Amino acid sequence: MNNNITMTLNADELILSALKEDISSEDVSTNAVMPYYQEGSVSLIAKQDGIICGLYVFKRVFELLDGNVRVEFYFKDGDRVKNKDIVATVTGDIRVLLSGERTALNYLQRMSGIATYTNEVAKLFEGSRTKLLDTRKTTPNMRIFEKYAVKVGGGHNHRYNLSDGVLLKDNHIGAAGSVKKAVEMAKEYAPFVRKIEVEVESLEMVREAVEAGADIIMLDNMSVDMMKEAIEIIDGRAETECSGNVTKENVAKLTNIGVDYISSGALTHSAPILDLSLKNLHAI
């Protein structure tokens, strides 16, 4: 998402939708105090320490309102910013700066918050062979931005959407009738290049998934001791993933049990925003 082609193809429509949500007919406040063109400038200032992420999205909000807006960045995505750092300067029609402010900040604060939280969790994986993954527990219409933020923060992306891979969860298994039957049906239906992942909740299901030939076995909401036993049963015959209520507070005890992946919905659904602000607007 750090290039114009990807942004235009995947994100412009979403950003425009967000702008239309905020400006259904006109910006009454701005039009009241600034009825004519006046060039101006405003500073983007960090109000917290953290990892900045989403600068191109921030810039794109203003560009979609007015292609003449200029944004000068003093940091790049993935950089660590500190409280009171001036991150960027935005210059252009003051009416555009005022009307685009909240939408641009909403994206940047949310994405930077996810990158910051992910980075804090990812540090706990240092020295471990286990990879930190996100999930599909994202804000509707924000997935492209939130999953990008996870990568900037040092995490890895699980499947992007339902078309991206086979993951047989408890209700899929219930629909098929058993783990074995669900895996058999998936192998018959899905292209051979797709890996088949199965979510299991007991050691009996672990054994069934291994025997059925699952490529990845997700150990869902298991105790640490049960996961260790499950890994012994799997014995390298499938990749392993740990999932279920994984947060910054409890992930440390999971990184040394030998799983290949740990997925955490908290990366996207529980990360607080990084506080940023547009300040010192003035005419030039």
Protein backbone atom coordinates (compact mmCIF):
# COMPACT_ATOMS: atom_id res chain seq x y z
CA MET A 1 0.00 0.00 0.00
CA ASN A 2 3.02 2.29 -0.25
CA ASN A 3 2.58 2.89 -3.98
CA ASN A 4 0.09 4.88 -6.02
CA ILE A 5 -1.23 1.95 -8.05
CA THR A 6 -2.18 -0.14 -5.02
CA MET A 7 -3.74 2.87 -3.33
CA THR A 8 -5.80 3.84 -6.37
CA LEU A 9 -7.04 0.29 -6.98
CA ASN A 10 -7.84 -0.68 -3.41
CA ALA A 11 -8.16 2.31 -1.12
CA ASP A 12 -9.45 5.39 -2.97
CA GLU A 13 -13.02 4.13 -3.01
CA LEU A 14 -12.92 3.46 0.73
CA ILE A 15 -11.41 6.87 1.50
CA LEU A 16 -14.02 8.59 -0.66
CA SER A 17 -16.76 6.71 1.18
CA ALA A 18 -15.34 7.93 4.50
CA LEU A 19 -15.25 11.51 3.20
CA LYS A 20 -18.86 11.24 2.00
CA GLU A 21 -19.86 9.95 5.43
CA ASP A 22 -18.40 13.12 6.98
CA ILE A 23 -19.55 15.57 4.29
CA SER A 24 -23.02 14.55 3.14
CA SER A 25 -23.76 17.88 1.45
CA GLU A 26 -21.38 20.57 2.68
CA ASP A 27 -19.03 21.49 5.52
CA VAL A 28 -21.25 24.12 7.10
CA SER A 29 -18.70 25.24 9.71
CA THR A 30 -15.91 25.75 7.19
CA ASN A 31 -18.08 27.47 4.61
CA ALA A 32 -19.32 29.86 7.28
CA VAL A 33 -15.87 31.11 8.30
CA MET A 34 -13.99 30.65 5.00
CA PRO A 35 -16.31 31.36 2.04
CA TYR A 36 -13.46 31.93 -0.44
CA TYR A 37 -10.11 30.46 -1.44
CA GLN A 38 -7.21 31.17 0.86
CA GLU A 39 -3.98 29.21 0.88
CA GLY A 40 -2.88 28.06 4.29
CA SER A 41 -0.70 25.65 6.18
CA VAL A 42 -1.18 23.37 9.20
CA SER A 43 1.15 21.11 11.20
CA LEU A 44 0.60 17.43 11.98
CA ILE A 45 1.84 16.94 15.53
CA ALA A 46 2.29 13.75 17.57
CA LYS A 47 0.79 13.91 21.05
CA GLN A 48 2.10 10.49 22.12
CA ASP A 49 5.17 8.32 21.55
CA GLY A 50 4.57 5.50 19.09
CA ILE A 51 4.98 4.03 15.61
CA ILE A 52 3.63 6.23 12.83
CA CYS A 53 1.64 4.44 10.12
CA GLY A 54 -0.76 5.53 7.39
CA LEU A 55 0.97 8.67 6.16
CA TYR A 56 0.10 8.01 2.53
CA VAL A 57 -3.55 7.44 3.46
CA PHE A 58 -3.50 10.69 5.44
CA LYS A 59 -2.12 12.50 2.39
CA ARG A 60 -4.56 10.81 0.03
CA VAL A 61 -7.58 12.14 1.96
CA PHE A 62 -6.57 15.71 1.11
CA GLU A 63 -5.55 14.84 -2.47
CA LEU A 64 -8.99 13.37 -3.19
CA LEU A 65 -10.55 16.63 -2.04
CA ASP A 66 -8.07 18.78 -3.96
CA GLY A 67 -5.15 17.56 -6.05
CA ASN A 68 -3.27 20.79 -5.38
CA VAL A 69 -2.75 20.09 -1.67
CA ARG A 70 0.90 19.54 -0.75
CA VAL A 71 2.06 17.38 2.17
CA GLU A 72 5.65 17.42 3.40
CA PHE A 73 6.52 14.48 5.67
CA TYR A 74 9.38 14.48 8.17
CA PHE A 75 8.91 10.79 9.03
CA LYS A 76 8.01 7.63 7.11
CA ASP A 77 5.71 4.72 7.97
CA GLY A 78 7.34 2.52 10.60
CA ASP A 79 9.33 5.34 12.20
CA ARG A 80 9.03 5.95 15.92
CA VAL A 81 7.67 9.40 16.77
CA LYS A 82 7.72 11.16 20.11
CA ASN A 83 5.26 13.46 21.83
CA LYS A 84 5.38 16.97 20.29
CA ASP A 85 7.21 15.82 17.14
CA ILE A 86 6.07 17.66 14.00
CA VAL A 87 5.29 14.77 11.67
CA ALA A 88 4.21 16.69 8.57
CA THR A 89 3.12 20.02 7.16
CA VAL A 90 0.00 20.25 4.99
CA THR A 91 -0.37 23.21 2.63
CA GLY A 92 -3.30 24.16 0.39
CA ASP A 93 -6.79 25.65 0.30
CA ILE A 94 -7.73 26.26 3.93
CA ARG A 95 -11.25 24.99 3.20
CA VAL A 96 -9.79 21.63 2.15
CA LEU A 97 -7.50 21.46 5.18
CA LEU A 98 -10.47 22.03 7.49
CA SER A 99 -12.88 19.65 5.72
CA GLY A 100 -10.39 16.77 5.42
CA GLU A 101 -8.89 17.08 8.90
CA ARG A 102 -11.00 14.59 10.84
CA THR A 103 -11.11 11.84 8.19
CA ALA A 104 -7.36 12.08 7.62
CA LEU A 105 -6.65 11.93 11.36
CA ASN A 106 -9.08 9.05 11.89
CA TYR A 107 -7.12 6.90 9.45
CA LEU A 108 -3.70 7.95 10.72
CA GLN A 109 -4.52 7.62 14.42
CA ARG A 110 -6.12 4.20 13.98
CA MET A 111 -3.36 2.80 11.79
CA SER A 112 -0.60 4.23 13.97
CA GLY A 113 -2.28 2.78 17.07
CA ILE A 114 -2.36 -0.69 15.54
CA ALA A 115 1.26 -0.43 14.40
CA THR A 116 2.31 0.72 17.86
CA TYR A 117 0.43 -2.05 19.68
CA THR A 118 1.64 -4.69 17.23
CA ASN A 119 5.21 -3.52 17.69
CA GLU A 120 4.90 -3.89 21.47
CA VAL A 121 3.64 -7.47 21.05
CA ALA A 122 6.16 -8.33 18.31
CA LYS A 123 9.04 -7.44 20.63
CA LEU A 124 7.94 -10.32 22.86
CA PHE A 125 8.64 -12.71 19.94
CA GLU A 126 12.29 -11.70 19.59
CA GLY A 127 14.50 -14.78 19.77
CA SER A 128 11.54 -17.06 19.01
CA ARG A 129 10.82 -18.91 15.77
CA THR A 130 7.09 -18.24 16.22
CA LYS A 131 5.46 -15.68 13.93
CA LEU A 132 2.84 -13.19 15.13
CA LEU A 133 -0.29 -13.11 12.93
CA ASP A 134 -3.36 -10.91 12.74
CA THR A 135 -6.93 -12.15 12.08
CA ARG A 136 -10.06 -11.10 10.18
CA LYS A 137 -11.34 -9.34 13.32
CA THR A 138 -11.00 -5.97 11.64
CA THR A 139 -13.21 -2.88 11.42
CA PRO A 140 -15.59 -3.17 8.43
CA ASN A 141 -14.13 -1.39 5.39
CA MET A 142 -10.84 -0.84 7.25
CA ARG A 143 -9.16 -4.22 6.66
CA ILE A 144 -6.71 -3.09 3.99
CA PHE A 145 -5.52 -0.31 6.27
CA GLU A 146 -5.46 -2.31 9.50
CA LYS A 147 -3.62 -5.31 8.07
CA TYR A 148 -1.06 -2.97 6.50
CA ALA A 149 -0.57 -1.40 9.94
CA VAL A 150 0.09 -4.83 11.47
CA LYS A 151 2.91 -5.39 8.97
CA VAL A 152 4.38 -1.95 9.62
CA GLY A 153 4.34 -2.77 13.34
CA GLY A 154 6.34 -5.95 12.82
CA GLY A 155 3.56 -8.55 12.63
CA HIS A 156 2.47 -10.82 9.78
CA ASN A 157 -0.82 -11.12 7.93
CA HIS A 158 -3.03 -14.20 8.16
CA ARG A 159 -5.42 -14.68 5.22
CA TYR A 160 -6.86 -11.39 3.93
CA ASN A 161 -10.42 -12.59 3.43
CA LEU A 162 -12.62 -15.66 2.91
CA SER A 163 -11.41 -16.07 -0.68
CA ASP A 164 -7.79 -16.14 0.41
CA GLY A 165 -7.53 -19.56 2.03
CA VAL A 166 -9.24 -22.55 3.65
CA LEU A 167 -9.79 -22.30 7.40
CA LEU A 168 -12.22 -24.87 8.78
CA LYS A 169 -13.56 -23.56 12.07
CA ASP A 170 -15.92 -25.21 14.57
CA ASN A 171 -19.08 -24.37 12.63
CA HIS A 172 -17.60 -25.60 9.33
CA ILE A 173 -16.76 -28.87 11.06
CA GLY A 174 -20.27 -28.98 12.49
CA ALA A 175 -21.73 -28.43 9.03
CA ALA A 176 -19.58 -31.18 7.51
CA GLY A 177 -20.15 -33.63 10.37
CA SER A 178 -16.56 -34.22 11.50
CA VAL A 179 -13.00 -32.95 11.17
CA LYS A 180 -12.15 -35.80 8.81
CA LYS A 181 -15.13 -35.15 6.56
CA ALA A 182 -14.52 -31.38 6.51
CA VAL A 183 -10.87 -31.85 5.45
CA GLU A 184 -11.84 -34.43 2.80
CA MET A 185 -14.45 -32.07 1.33
CA ALA A 186 -12.03 -29.13 1.38
CA LYS A 187 -9.35 -31.14 -0.41
CA GLU A 188 -11.84 -32.15 -3.07
CA TYR A 189 -13.20 -28.61 -3.57
CA ALA A 190 -10.29 -26.23 -3.06
CA PRO A 191 -7.45 -25.77 -5.60
CA PHE A 192 -4.47 -27.99 -4.77
CA VAL A 193 -2.30 -24.91 -4.18
CA ARG A 194 -4.42 -23.94 -1.14
CA LYS A 195 -3.29 -25.04 2.29
CA ILE A 196 -6.04 -26.40 4.53
CA GLU A 197 -6.11 -25.18 8.10
CA VAL A 198 -8.35 -26.74 10.76
CA GLU A 199 -9.36 -25.27 14.10
CA VAL A 200 -9.37 -27.82 16.93
CA GLU A 201 -10.42 -27.60 20.56
CA SER A 202 -9.45 -31.01 21.96
CA LEU A 203 -6.68 -33.58 21.65
CA GLU A 204 -9.11 -35.95 19.97
CA MET A 205 -9.72 -33.34 17.28
CA VAL A 206 -5.95 -32.86 16.97
CA ARG A 207 -5.46 -36.55 16.21
CA GLU A 208 -8.33 -36.52 13.70
CA ALA A 209 -6.92 -33.44 11.93
CA VAL A 210 -3.46 -35.02 11.64
CA GLU A 211 -4.89 -38.26 10.27
CA ALA A 212 -7.04 -36.34 7.79
CA GLY A 213 -3.95 -34.60 6.41
CA ALA A 214 -4.55 -31.00 7.46
CA ASP A 215 -1.70 -28.66 6.50
CA ILE A 216 -2.08 -26.35 9.50
CA ILE A 217 -3.72 -27.14 12.83
CA MET A 218 -5.02 -24.23 14.89
CA LEU A 219 -5.02 -24.92 18.64
CA ASP A 220 -7.94 -22.83 19.79
CA ASN A 221 -8.42 -21.70 23.39
CA MET A 222 -6.28 -24.50 24.81
CA SER A 223 -4.27 -24.38 28.04
CA VAL A 224 -0.50 -24.19 27.70
CA ASP A 225 -0.14 -27.80 28.90
CA MET A 226 -2.73 -29.05 26.41
CA MET A 227 -1.01 -27.19 23.57
CA LYS A 228 2.32 -28.80 24.48
CA GLU A 229 0.67 -32.20 24.33
CA ALA A 230 -1.00 -31.35 21.03
CA ILE A 231 2.35 -30.37 19.50
CA GLU A 232 3.80 -33.70 20.56
CA ILE A 233 0.89 -35.51 18.89
CA ILE A 234 1.30 -33.48 15.68
CA ASP A 235 5.04 -34.18 15.73
CA GLY A 236 5.86 -31.99 12.72
CA ARG A 237 3.23 -33.55 10.45
CA ALA A 238 1.43 -30.19 10.19
CA GLU A 239 2.21 -26.57 10.95
CA THR A 240 0.72 -25.29 14.19
CA GLU A 241 -1.06 -22.11 15.18
CA CYS A 242 -2.16 -20.94 18.62
CA SER A 243 -5.26 -18.77 18.84
CA GLY A 244 -7.83 -17.53 21.33
CA ASN A 245 -7.70 -14.46 23.60
CA VAL A 246 -4.07 -13.73 22.79
CA THR A 247 -3.05 -10.30 24.10
CA LYS A 248 0.09 -8.37 24.96
CA GLU A 249 -0.37 -9.40 28.57
CA ASN A 250 -0.39 -13.18 28.04
CA VAL A 251 1.54 -13.80 24.83
CA ALA A 252 4.94 -14.23 26.53
CA LYS A 253 4.00 -17.63 27.98
CA LEU A 254 3.02 -18.89 24.52
CA THR A 255 6.15 -18.08 22.51
CA ASN A 256 8.29 -20.90 23.93
CA ILE A 257 5.97 -23.87 23.46
CA GLY A 258 7.00 -24.57 19.87
CA VAL A 259 4.04 -23.39 17.76
CA ASP A 260 4.77 -21.97 14.32
CA TYR A 261 2.26 -19.13 14.54
CA ILE A 262 0.34 -17.20 17.18
CA SER A 263 -2.66 -15.23 15.94
CA SER A 264 -4.17 -12.33 17.85
CA GLY A 265 -7.39 -10.51 17.05
CA ALA A 266 -6.39 -7.94 19.66
CA LEU A 267 -3.85 -6.46 17.23
CA THR A 268 -6.70 -4.92 15.27
CA HIS A 269 -9.74 -4.94 17.54
CA SER A 270 -8.18 -3.74 20.80
CA ALA A 271 -5.32 -1.43 19.87
CA PRO A 272 -5.84 2.12 21.19
CA ILE A 273 -5.32 4.99 18.76
CA LEU A 274 -2.10 6.99 18.69
CA ASP A 275 -3.01 10.57 19.53
CA LEU A 276 -2.14 12.98 16.71
CA SER A 277 -3.43 16.44 15.93
CA LEU A 278 -3.50 19.10 13.22
CA LYS A 279 -2.51 22.39 14.84
CA ASN A 280 -1.40 25.95 14.11
CA LEU A 281 -3.49 26.51 10.97
CA HIS A 282 -2.62 29.84 9.42
CA ALA A 283 -2.96 31.69 6.12
CA ILE A 284 0.11 32.10 3.91
